[in-house]
Amino acid sequence: MASFPLSVNEKLIARSRAVGELLAPTSPFDKKCGRENWTVAFAPDGSYFAWSQGHRIVKLVPWSQCLTNFLLHGTKNVANSASTRLSRQNSEGSQRNKPCEHIIDCGDIVWSLAFGSSVPEKQSRCVNIEWHRFKFGQDQLLLATGLNNGRIKIWDVYTGKLLLNLMDHTEVVRDLTFAPDGSLILVSASRDKTLRVWDLKDDGNMMKVLKGHQNWVYGCAFSPDSSILCSVGASKAVFLWDMDKYSMIRKLEGHHNDVVACEFSPDGALLATASYDTRVYVWDPYVGVILMEFGHLFPPPTPIFAGGANDRWVRSVSFSHDGLHIASLADDKMIRFWRIDEEYPVQVAPLNNGLCCTFSTDGSFLAAGTQDGSVYFWATPRQVSSLQHLCRMAIRRVMPTSQVKNLPIPSKVVEFLCYQI
């Protein structure tokens, strides 16, 4: 696909509506280095929002309270007023069972966050479960924080208390992801060139080290069924891992510079990757082909100059829950919302010094973190999915590309199910 020349087409593209912001507190002596908000996250059930304010601090806020304050105050900073209101509410007996805000000091700069929820039916792979210190129930909600010193700290979201301290990495923990199946399997990506697999139902026991990256690992993401892990880093390759056998499935080749972010579509049929080569690629991870290309520089840089357009580096990519929209954040001070079947963005939004972005659990909002420790929110494109697309997602949740191609159905239907048309 052709790249998107913003200067030519920006008048033709809708601007996304700003919803609200959460500004990190600052002081006259606050150092700029260390304030970066490298990561933002929504709880799987939509109950909490978490972000790194910089300087070791993570803030956990009930998402419903955020929405209420956005409606009351518009796009003004509501972080401090929300804190006051929540603390007052939770001091009353009638409010004890309601979600409350927590400010967590992690002891070092925070690079990554991930929420994990437990399903009792998903047992630990450890045999001696009677020796477990923690027995995670169905109502358990955890927050994992990856730190500058290589440690991973696990917190109880409802109480704000530290539960576990995982200490095997030797460099920055750049990204974290929980398996979506409720098993509380956690994968960490580090600058020590490894991915590590942890079983939190086994008191945080490290189960496996995945080696294959020759340089820093920047990001990792599970497929929706938890069977495949994608990892990306300081190389042009995208790695896919079988999480039942802990073995590498394949490498996806196509990017021309470091790949820094990745995420699967909600049905698992697609994989989006973001790179410093100014592109977002959408892959079929089962056959290793690029189905779509979203460019952020026009004309697109040639491979030999792929690292030269650092004002267009793509920092982050996120798939919406509808399976139709992708958000990308680049160094050109823009956030773009793309449809997977259209050549140009359907909406754009301005953002200075953005570092990360993710859709809310229901897909209604996009949250983006910046270098000064703040978060900004936008309303996402609203579109009713077609019945055909909903059927495609239902089929692709349970059927990989190879099985789809063997179905006794017309070739055009196969192409649609494989996202080729």
Protein backbone atom coordinates (compact mmCIF):
# COMPACT_ATOMS: atom_id res chain seq x y z
CA MET A 1 0.00 0.00 0.00
CA ALA A 2 1.05 3.56 -0.55
CA SER A 3 2.31 5.64 2.35
CA PHE A 4 0.20 8.37 3.88
CA PRO A 5 1.31 11.94 2.95
CA LEU A 6 -0.20 13.89 5.82
CA SER A 7 0.38 17.32 4.30
CA VAL A 8 -1.75 16.41 1.28
CA ASN A 9 -4.52 14.36 2.86
CA GLU A 10 -4.96 15.71 6.38
CA LYS A 11 -7.96 17.84 5.39
CA LEU A 12 -9.73 14.75 4.07
CA ILE A 13 -9.29 12.73 7.26
CA ALA A 14 -11.36 13.14 10.40
CA ARG A 15 -9.69 14.28 13.61
CA SER A 16 -10.22 12.00 16.56
CA ARG A 17 -12.00 13.65 19.50
CA ALA A 18 -9.88 14.19 22.61
CA VAL A 19 -11.63 12.74 25.67
CA GLY A 20 -9.38 13.49 28.63
CA GLU A 21 -5.90 13.51 30.07
CA LEU A 22 -4.06 12.45 33.20
CA LEU A 23 -1.04 14.67 33.82
CA ALA A 24 1.88 13.55 35.94
CA PRO A 25 2.74 15.91 38.81
CA THR A 26 5.91 17.97 38.25
CA SER A 27 8.15 20.20 40.29
CA PRO A 28 10.70 22.88 39.30
CA PHE A 29 13.52 20.46 40.09
CA ASP A 30 12.00 17.46 38.34
CA LYS A 31 14.52 15.91 35.98
CA LYS A 32 13.33 15.22 32.45
CA CYS A 33 15.19 11.90 32.26
CA GLY A 34 13.21 9.24 34.12
CA ARG A 35 9.81 10.87 33.67
CA GLU A 36 8.95 8.85 30.57
CA ASN A 37 5.66 7.00 30.44
CA TRP A 38 6.82 3.89 28.62
CA THR A 39 3.68 1.89 29.19
CA VAL A 40 -0.07 2.13 29.75
CA ALA A 41 -2.48 -0.75 30.39
CA PHE A 42 -6.16 -1.55 30.91
CA ALA A 43 -7.30 -4.43 33.11
CA PRO A 44 -8.85 -7.35 31.15
CA ASP A 45 -12.25 -6.70 32.74
CA GLY A 46 -12.02 -2.94 32.17
CA SER A 47 -12.03 -2.17 35.89
CA TYR A 48 -8.65 -0.43 36.17
CA PHE A 49 -6.26 1.71 34.18
CA ALA A 50 -2.54 1.84 35.02
CA TRP A 51 0.31 3.97 33.77
CA SER A 52 3.88 4.76 34.65
CA GLN A 53 4.21 8.38 35.78
CA GLY A 54 7.99 8.19 35.68
CA HIS A 55 10.51 8.21 38.55
CA ARG A 56 9.48 4.76 39.87
CA ILE A 57 5.77 5.61 40.29
CA VAL A 58 2.87 3.60 38.86
CA LYS A 59 -0.66 4.86 39.29
CA LEU A 60 -3.67 2.53 39.40
CA VAL A 61 -7.03 4.25 38.82
CA PRO A 62 -10.55 2.78 38.56
CA TRP A 63 -11.44 3.26 34.90
CA SER A 64 -15.09 4.09 35.64
CA GLN A 65 -13.90 6.93 37.85
CA CYS A 66 -11.72 8.22 35.02
CA LEU A 67 -14.68 8.25 32.65
CA THR A 68 -16.86 10.02 35.20
CA ASN A 69 -14.28 12.74 35.69
CA PHE A 70 -13.73 13.13 31.95
CA LEU A 71 -17.45 13.79 31.58
CA LEU A 72 -17.43 16.26 34.48
CA HIS A 73 -14.26 18.14 33.62
CA GLY A 74 -13.88 17.72 29.88
CA THR A 75 -10.25 17.30 28.81
CA LYS A 76 -8.76 19.01 31.86
CA ASN A 77 -6.28 17.26 34.11
CA VAL A 78 -8.33 15.30 36.63
CA ALA A 79 -5.62 13.18 38.21
CA ASN A 80 -5.34 15.15 41.44
CA SER A 81 -9.06 15.84 41.85
CA ALA A 82 -9.84 12.18 41.23
CA SER A 83 -7.32 11.18 43.87
CA THR A 84 -8.93 13.44 46.46
CA ARG A 85 -12.42 12.28 45.64
CA LEU A 86 -11.53 8.60 45.69
CA SER A 87 -9.71 8.74 49.01
CA ARG A 88 -12.68 10.48 50.58
CA GLN A 89 -15.12 7.93 49.18
CA ASN A 90 -13.11 4.93 50.27
CA SER A 91 -12.88 6.19 53.84
CA GLU A 92 -16.62 5.60 54.15
CA GLY A 93 -17.89 2.18 55.07
CA SER A 94 -20.33 2.02 52.18
CA GLN A 95 -17.49 2.42 49.68
CA ARG A 96 -15.10 -0.24 51.00
CA ASN A 97 -15.86 -2.78 48.31
CA LYS A 98 -15.51 -0.33 45.45
CA PRO A 99 -12.30 -0.15 43.40
CA CYS A 100 -9.89 2.39 44.82
CA GLU A 101 -6.89 4.24 43.52
CA HIS A 102 -3.33 3.19 44.39
CA ILE A 103 0.00 4.93 43.93
CA ILE A 104 2.81 2.35 43.83
CA ASP A 105 6.49 3.10 44.29
CA CYS A 106 8.30 0.34 42.40
CA GLY A 107 11.77 1.31 43.61
CA ASP A 108 13.21 1.84 40.11
CA ILE A 109 12.25 3.25 36.71
CA VAL A 110 9.26 1.36 35.28
CA TRP A 111 9.50 0.24 31.65
CA SER A 112 6.57 -2.16 31.34
CA LEU A 113 3.17 -3.01 32.82
CA ALA A 114 0.73 -5.88 32.38
CA PHE A 115 -2.52 -6.92 34.06
CA GLY A 116 -3.23 -10.58 34.71
CA SER A 117 -6.41 -12.25 35.91
CA SER A 118 -6.80 -15.80 37.16
CA VAL A 119 -9.12 -18.61 36.11
CA PRO A 120 -9.24 -21.39 38.76
CA GLU A 121 -9.64 -24.13 36.12
CA LYS A 122 -6.22 -23.26 34.69
CA GLN A 123 -3.91 -25.16 37.00
CA SER A 124 -0.22 -24.55 37.44
CA ARG A 125 2.11 -26.79 35.46
CA CYS A 126 3.96 -27.41 38.72
CA VAL A 127 3.26 -30.79 40.35
CA ASN A 128 3.69 -29.85 44.03
CA ILE A 129 0.85 -27.36 44.21
CA GLU A 130 0.27 -27.96 47.94
CA TRP A 131 3.44 -25.97 48.68
CA HIS A 132 2.23 -22.83 46.98
CA ARG A 133 2.37 -19.66 49.00
CA PHE A 134 -0.33 -17.95 46.91
CA LYS A 135 -3.65 -19.44 45.90
CA PHE A 136 -5.03 -17.17 43.22
CA GLY A 137 -8.80 -17.22 43.03
CA GLN A 138 -11.23 -16.20 40.34
CA ASP A 139 -11.47 -12.63 41.65
CA GLN A 140 -7.70 -12.11 41.61
CA LEU A 141 -6.29 -9.23 39.56
CA LEU A 142 -2.54 -8.74 39.39
CA LEU A 143 -0.28 -6.04 38.01
CA ALA A 144 3.22 -6.91 36.82
CA THR A 145 5.81 -4.13 36.59
CA GLY A 146 9.08 -4.51 34.68
CA LEU A 147 11.91 -2.38 36.05
CA ASN A 148 15.15 -0.78 34.95
CA ASN A 149 17.23 -3.07 37.19
CA GLY A 150 15.87 -6.26 35.59
CA ARG A 151 13.39 -7.09 38.33
CA ILE A 152 9.70 -7.82 37.89
CA LYS A 153 7.40 -6.92 40.76
CA ILE A 154 3.91 -8.40 41.05
CA TRP A 155 1.23 -6.38 42.87
CA ASP A 156 -2.29 -7.06 44.11
CA VAL A 157 -4.39 -4.51 42.23
CA TYR A 158 -7.15 -4.35 44.84
CA THR A 159 -4.86 -3.69 47.80
CA GLY A 160 -1.75 -2.21 46.16
CA LYS A 161 0.44 -4.68 48.08
CA LEU A 162 3.60 -6.30 46.71
CA LEU A 163 3.21 -10.06 46.26
CA LEU A 164 6.27 -11.29 44.35
CA ASN A 165 9.70 -10.07 43.31
CA LEU A 166 11.12 -11.90 40.27
CA MET A 167 14.84 -11.40 39.78
CA ASP A 168 16.34 -13.48 36.94
CA HIS A 169 16.77 -10.83 34.23
CA THR A 170 20.09 -8.99 34.15
CA GLU A 171 18.98 -5.93 32.14
CA VAL A 172 15.93 -3.68 31.65
CA VAL A 173 12.59 -5.53 31.44
CA ARG A 174 11.22 -3.80 28.37
CA ASP A 175 7.85 -5.52 28.02
CA LEU A 176 5.48 -7.90 29.82
CA THR A 177 2.46 -9.89 28.70
CA PHE A 178 0.14 -12.34 30.46
CA ALA A 179 -1.39 -15.32 28.68
CA PRO A 180 -5.04 -14.40 27.99
CA ASP A 181 -6.32 -17.81 29.12
CA GLY A 182 -6.25 -17.02 32.85
CA SER A 183 -3.34 -19.36 33.58
CA LEU A 184 -1.27 -16.46 35.01
CA ILE A 185 1.63 -17.39 32.73
CA LEU A 186 3.72 -14.24 32.35
CA VAL A 187 6.31 -13.58 29.63
CA SER A 188 8.95 -10.88 29.99
CA ALA A 189 11.11 -9.32 27.26
CA SER A 190 14.45 -7.86 28.27
CA ARG A 191 17.50 -6.05 27.03
CA ASP A 192 19.48 -9.08 28.18
CA LYS A 193 18.40 -10.61 24.80
CA THR A 194 16.06 -13.17 26.36
CA LEU A 195 12.38 -13.83 26.97
CA ARG A 196 11.49 -15.54 30.22
CA VAL A 197 8.33 -17.48 31.05
CA TRP A 198 7.00 -17.31 34.61
CA ASP A 199 4.21 -19.28 36.30
CA LEU A 200 2.58 -17.03 38.88
CA LYS A 201 0.34 -19.86 40.05
CA ASP A 202 3.59 -21.58 41.03
CA ASP A 203 4.62 -18.61 43.18
CA GLY A 204 6.36 -16.95 40.24
CA ASN A 205 8.60 -19.87 39.30
CA MET A 206 10.56 -19.23 36.09
CA MET A 207 9.64 -22.05 33.72
CA LYS A 208 11.66 -21.36 30.59
CA VAL A 209 14.16 -19.01 28.93
CA LEU A 210 13.47 -18.36 25.25
CA LYS A 211 16.70 -17.59 23.38
CA GLY A 212 16.96 -16.54 19.75
CA HIS A 213 17.26 -12.77 19.71
CA GLN A 214 20.80 -11.55 19.07
CA ASN A 215 20.12 -8.14 20.58
CA TRP A 216 17.70 -6.29 22.86
CA VAL A 217 14.13 -7.60 22.96
CA TYR A 218 11.64 -4.73 22.83
CA GLY A 219 8.21 -6.32 22.94
CA CYS A 220 6.14 -9.49 23.15
CA ALA A 221 2.49 -10.44 22.72
CA PHE A 222 0.37 -13.59 23.10
CA SER A 223 -2.13 -14.79 20.54
CA PRO A 224 -5.71 -14.76 21.91
CA ASP A 225 -5.68 -18.52 22.48
CA SER A 226 -2.31 -18.29 24.29
CA SER A 227 -0.70 -20.86 21.97
CA ILE A 228 1.66 -18.49 20.12
CA LEU A 229 3.97 -15.77 21.38
CA CYS A 230 5.33 -13.03 19.15
CA SER A 231 8.52 -11.19 20.11
CA VAL A 232 10.32 -8.28 18.45
CA GLY A 233 13.53 -6.41 19.13
CA ALA A 234 16.62 -4.67 17.83
CA SER A 235 16.61 -6.55 14.54
CA LYS A 236 14.51 -6.70 11.39
CA ALA A 237 12.98 -10.08 12.22
CA VAL A 238 9.73 -10.95 13.98
CA PHE A 239 9.91 -14.13 16.09
CA LEU A 240 7.01 -16.55 16.62
CA TRP A 241 7.13 -19.13 19.42
CA ASP A 242 5.09 -22.26 20.17
CA MET A 243 4.12 -21.80 23.83
CA ASP A 244 3.23 -25.45 24.36
CA LYS A 245 6.68 -26.68 23.31
CA TYR A 246 8.60 -23.44 24.05
CA SER A 247 10.18 -23.66 20.61
CA MET A 248 10.54 -21.19 17.77
CA ILE A 249 7.99 -21.63 14.98
CA ARG A 250 9.38 -19.20 12.41
CA LYS A 251 10.86 -15.79 11.78
CA LEU A 252 8.94 -13.23 9.75
CA GLU A 253 11.21 -11.24 7.44
CA GLY A 254 10.20 -7.99 5.77
CA HIS A 255 10.94 -4.99 7.96
CA HIS A 256 14.00 -2.85 7.14
CA ASN A 257 14.85 -1.60 10.63
CA ASP A 258 14.32 -2.50 14.31
CA VAL A 259 10.85 -3.86 15.10
CA VAL A 260 9.62 -2.29 18.34
CA ALA A 261 6.02 -3.37 18.94
CA CYS A 262 3.62 -6.18 18.06
CA GLU A 263 0.03 -7.24 18.72
CA PHE A 264 -2.35 -9.94 17.50
CA SER A 265 -5.85 -9.24 16.23
CA PRO A 266 -8.70 -10.34 18.53
CA ASP A 267 -9.33 -13.47 16.44
CA GLY A 268 -5.63 -14.33 16.21
CA ALA A 269 -5.66 -14.39 12.41
CA LEU A 270 -3.54 -11.25 12.01
CA LEU A 271 -0.39 -9.85 13.58
CA ALA A 272 0.51 -6.15 13.50
CA THR A 273 4.14 -5.07 13.89
CA ALA A 274 5.60 -1.56 14.14
CA SER A 275 9.11 -0.65 13.08
CA TYR A 276 11.58 2.20 12.91
CA ASP A 277 11.42 1.70 9.12
CA THR A 278 8.32 4.00 9.30
CA ARG A 279 5.90 1.16 8.56
CA VAL A 280 3.30 -0.98 10.25
CA TYR A 281 2.93 -4.41 8.67
CA VAL A 282 -0.08 -6.68 9.13
CA TRP A 283 0.89 -10.32 8.71
CA ASP A 284 -0.76 -13.66 8.41
CA PRO A 285 1.38 -15.25 11.14
CA TYR A 286 0.50 -18.80 10.07
CA VAL A 287 2.03 -18.52 6.60
CA GLY A 288 4.40 -15.61 7.20
CA VAL A 289 3.15 -13.24 4.49
CA ILE A 290 2.49 -9.49 4.68
CA LEU A 291 -1.17 -8.75 3.97
CA MET A 292 -1.16 -4.97 4.56
CA GLU A 293 1.34 -2.15 4.85
CA PHE A 294 0.61 1.18 6.55
CA GLY A 295 3.26 3.76 5.77
CA HIS A 296 4.04 6.87 7.83
CA LEU A 297 6.38 8.57 5.35
CA PHE A 298 5.77 9.59 1.74
CA PRO A 299 7.45 8.48 -0.37
CA PRO A 300 8.46 5.44 1.69
CA PRO A 301 12.20 5.17 2.40
CA THR A 302 14.21 2.65 0.41
CA PRO A 303 15.72 -0.22 2.43
CA ILE A 304 19.20 1.31 2.39
CA PHE A 305 17.85 4.50 4.00
CA ALA A 306 15.25 2.80 6.20
CA GLY A 307 16.85 4.10 9.39
CA GLY A 308 17.29 7.66 8.20
CA ALA A 309 13.75 8.96 8.72
CA ASN A 310 13.85 9.01 12.51
CA ASP A 311 11.18 11.73 12.66
CA ARG A 312 8.74 9.09 11.35
CA TRP A 313 9.76 6.13 13.49
CA VAL A 314 6.70 4.14 14.57
CA ARG A 315 6.78 3.60 18.35
CA SER A 316 3.66 1.63 19.12
CA VAL A 317 0.79 -0.28 17.53
CA SER A 318 -2.49 -1.57 18.97
CA PHE A 319 -5.38 -3.67 17.62
CA SER A 320 -8.94 -2.69 18.53
CA HIS A 321 -11.33 -5.31 19.89
CA ASP A 322 -13.52 -5.02 16.76
CA GLY A 323 -10.71 -6.48 14.65
CA LEU A 324 -11.20 -3.73 12.07
CA HIS A 325 -9.05 -0.90 13.42
CA ILE A 326 -5.38 -0.45 14.24
CA ALA A 327 -3.83 2.52 16.03
CA SER A 328 -0.24 3.58 15.43
CA LEU A 329 1.89 6.18 17.19
CA ALA A 330 4.88 7.73 15.43
CA ASP A 331 7.55 10.34 16.07
CA ASP A 332 5.92 12.77 13.62
CA LYS A 333 3.63 13.89 16.48
CA MET A 334 0.62 12.03 15.16
CA ILE A 335 -1.59 9.13 16.17
CA ARG A 336 -3.32 7.39 13.29
CA PHE A 337 -6.35 5.12 13.26
CA TRP A 338 -6.39 2.71 10.33
CA ARG A 339 -8.99 0.30 8.98
CA ILE A 340 -7.46 -3.01 7.97
CA ASP A 341 -9.14 -2.78 4.55
CA GLU A 342 -8.35 0.86 3.68
CA GLU A 343 -5.22 2.51 2.35
CA TYR A 344 -5.24 5.71 4.39
CA PRO A 345 -6.03 6.46 8.04
CA VAL A 346 -9.67 7.02 8.90
CA GLN A 347 -8.82 9.35 11.80
CA VAL A 348 -5.76 11.18 13.13
CA ALA A 349 -4.89 12.97 16.36
CA PRO A 350 -1.95 15.19 17.34
CA LEU A 351 0.39 14.06 20.13
CA ASN A 352 3.80 15.43 21.07
CA ASN A 353 6.50 13.06 22.34
CA GLY A 354 4.31 9.97 22.36
CA LEU A 355 5.84 6.65 23.43
CA CYS A 356 3.06 4.06 23.73
CA CYS A 357 -0.62 3.50 23.01
CA THR A 358 -3.29 0.91 23.67
CA PHE A 359 -7.04 0.54 23.18
CA SER A 360 -9.36 0.31 26.16
CA THR A 361 -10.85 -3.10 26.90
CA ASP A 362 -14.07 -2.34 25.04
CA GLY A 363 -12.25 -0.50 22.23
CA SER A 364 -14.05 2.82 22.79
CA PHE A 365 -10.94 4.80 23.73
CA LEU A 366 -7.26 4.95 22.95
CA ALA A 367 -4.77 5.81 25.70
CA ALA A 368 -1.32 7.15 24.82
CA GLY A 369 1.64 7.81 27.11
CA THR A 370 4.24 10.54 26.60
CA GLN A 371 7.79 11.40 27.60
CA ASP A 372 6.65 13.65 30.46
CA GLY A 373 4.76 10.86 32.26
CA SER A 374 1.27 11.92 31.17
CA VAL A 375 -1.58 10.07 29.43
CA TYR A 376 -3.99 11.35 26.81
CA PHE A 377 -7.23 9.72 25.68
CA TRP A 378 -9.16 9.83 22.40
CA ALA A 379 -12.47 8.47 21.23
CA THR A 380 -11.86 5.75 18.66
CA PRO A 381 -13.60 5.33 15.28
CA ARG A 382 -17.12 4.03 15.68
CA GLN A 383 -18.34 1.56 13.12
CA VAL A 384 -20.73 -1.36 13.28
CA SER A 385 -18.97 -4.50 12.08
CA SER A 386 -20.60 -6.32 9.19
CA LEU A 387 -22.13 -9.75 9.74
CA GLN A 388 -19.54 -11.15 7.33
CA HIS A 389 -16.67 -9.79 9.41
CA LEU A 390 -18.19 -11.08 12.66
CA CYS A 391 -18.53 -14.53 11.11
CA ARG A 392 -14.94 -14.33 9.87
CA MET A 393 -13.69 -13.50 13.36
CA ALA A 394 -15.71 -16.35 14.87
CA ILE A 395 -14.20 -18.84 12.41
CA ARG A 396 -10.65 -17.53 12.68
CA ARG A 397 -10.66 -17.75 16.48
CA VAL A 398 -10.64 -21.54 16.16
CA MET A 399 -9.16 -22.18 12.72
CA PRO A 400 -5.65 -21.36 11.42
CA THR A 401 -5.00 -20.40 7.80
CA SER A 402 -4.03 -23.91 6.70
CA GLN A 403 -7.38 -25.33 7.83
CA VAL A 404 -9.33 -22.49 6.24
CA LYS A 405 -7.67 -23.15 2.89
CA ASN A 406 -8.78 -26.79 3.05
CA LEU A 407 -12.45 -25.95 3.56
CA PRO A 408 -14.78 -27.01 0.70
CA ILE A 409 -15.97 -23.46 0.02
CA PRO A 410 -15.61 -21.00 -2.90
CA SER A 411 -12.15 -19.46 -3.37
CA LYS A 412 -13.44 -15.93 -2.82
CA VAL A 413 -14.80 -16.93 0.58
CA VAL A 414 -11.45 -18.48 1.44
CA GLU A 415 -9.70 -15.24 0.47
CA PHE A 416 -12.09 -13.26 2.68
CA LEU A 417 -11.54 -15.58 5.64
CA CYS A 418 -7.77 -15.22 5.13
CA TYR A 419 -8.05 -11.39 5.07
CA GLN A 420 -6.81 -11.28 1.48
CA ILE A 421 -9.80 -9.26 0.26
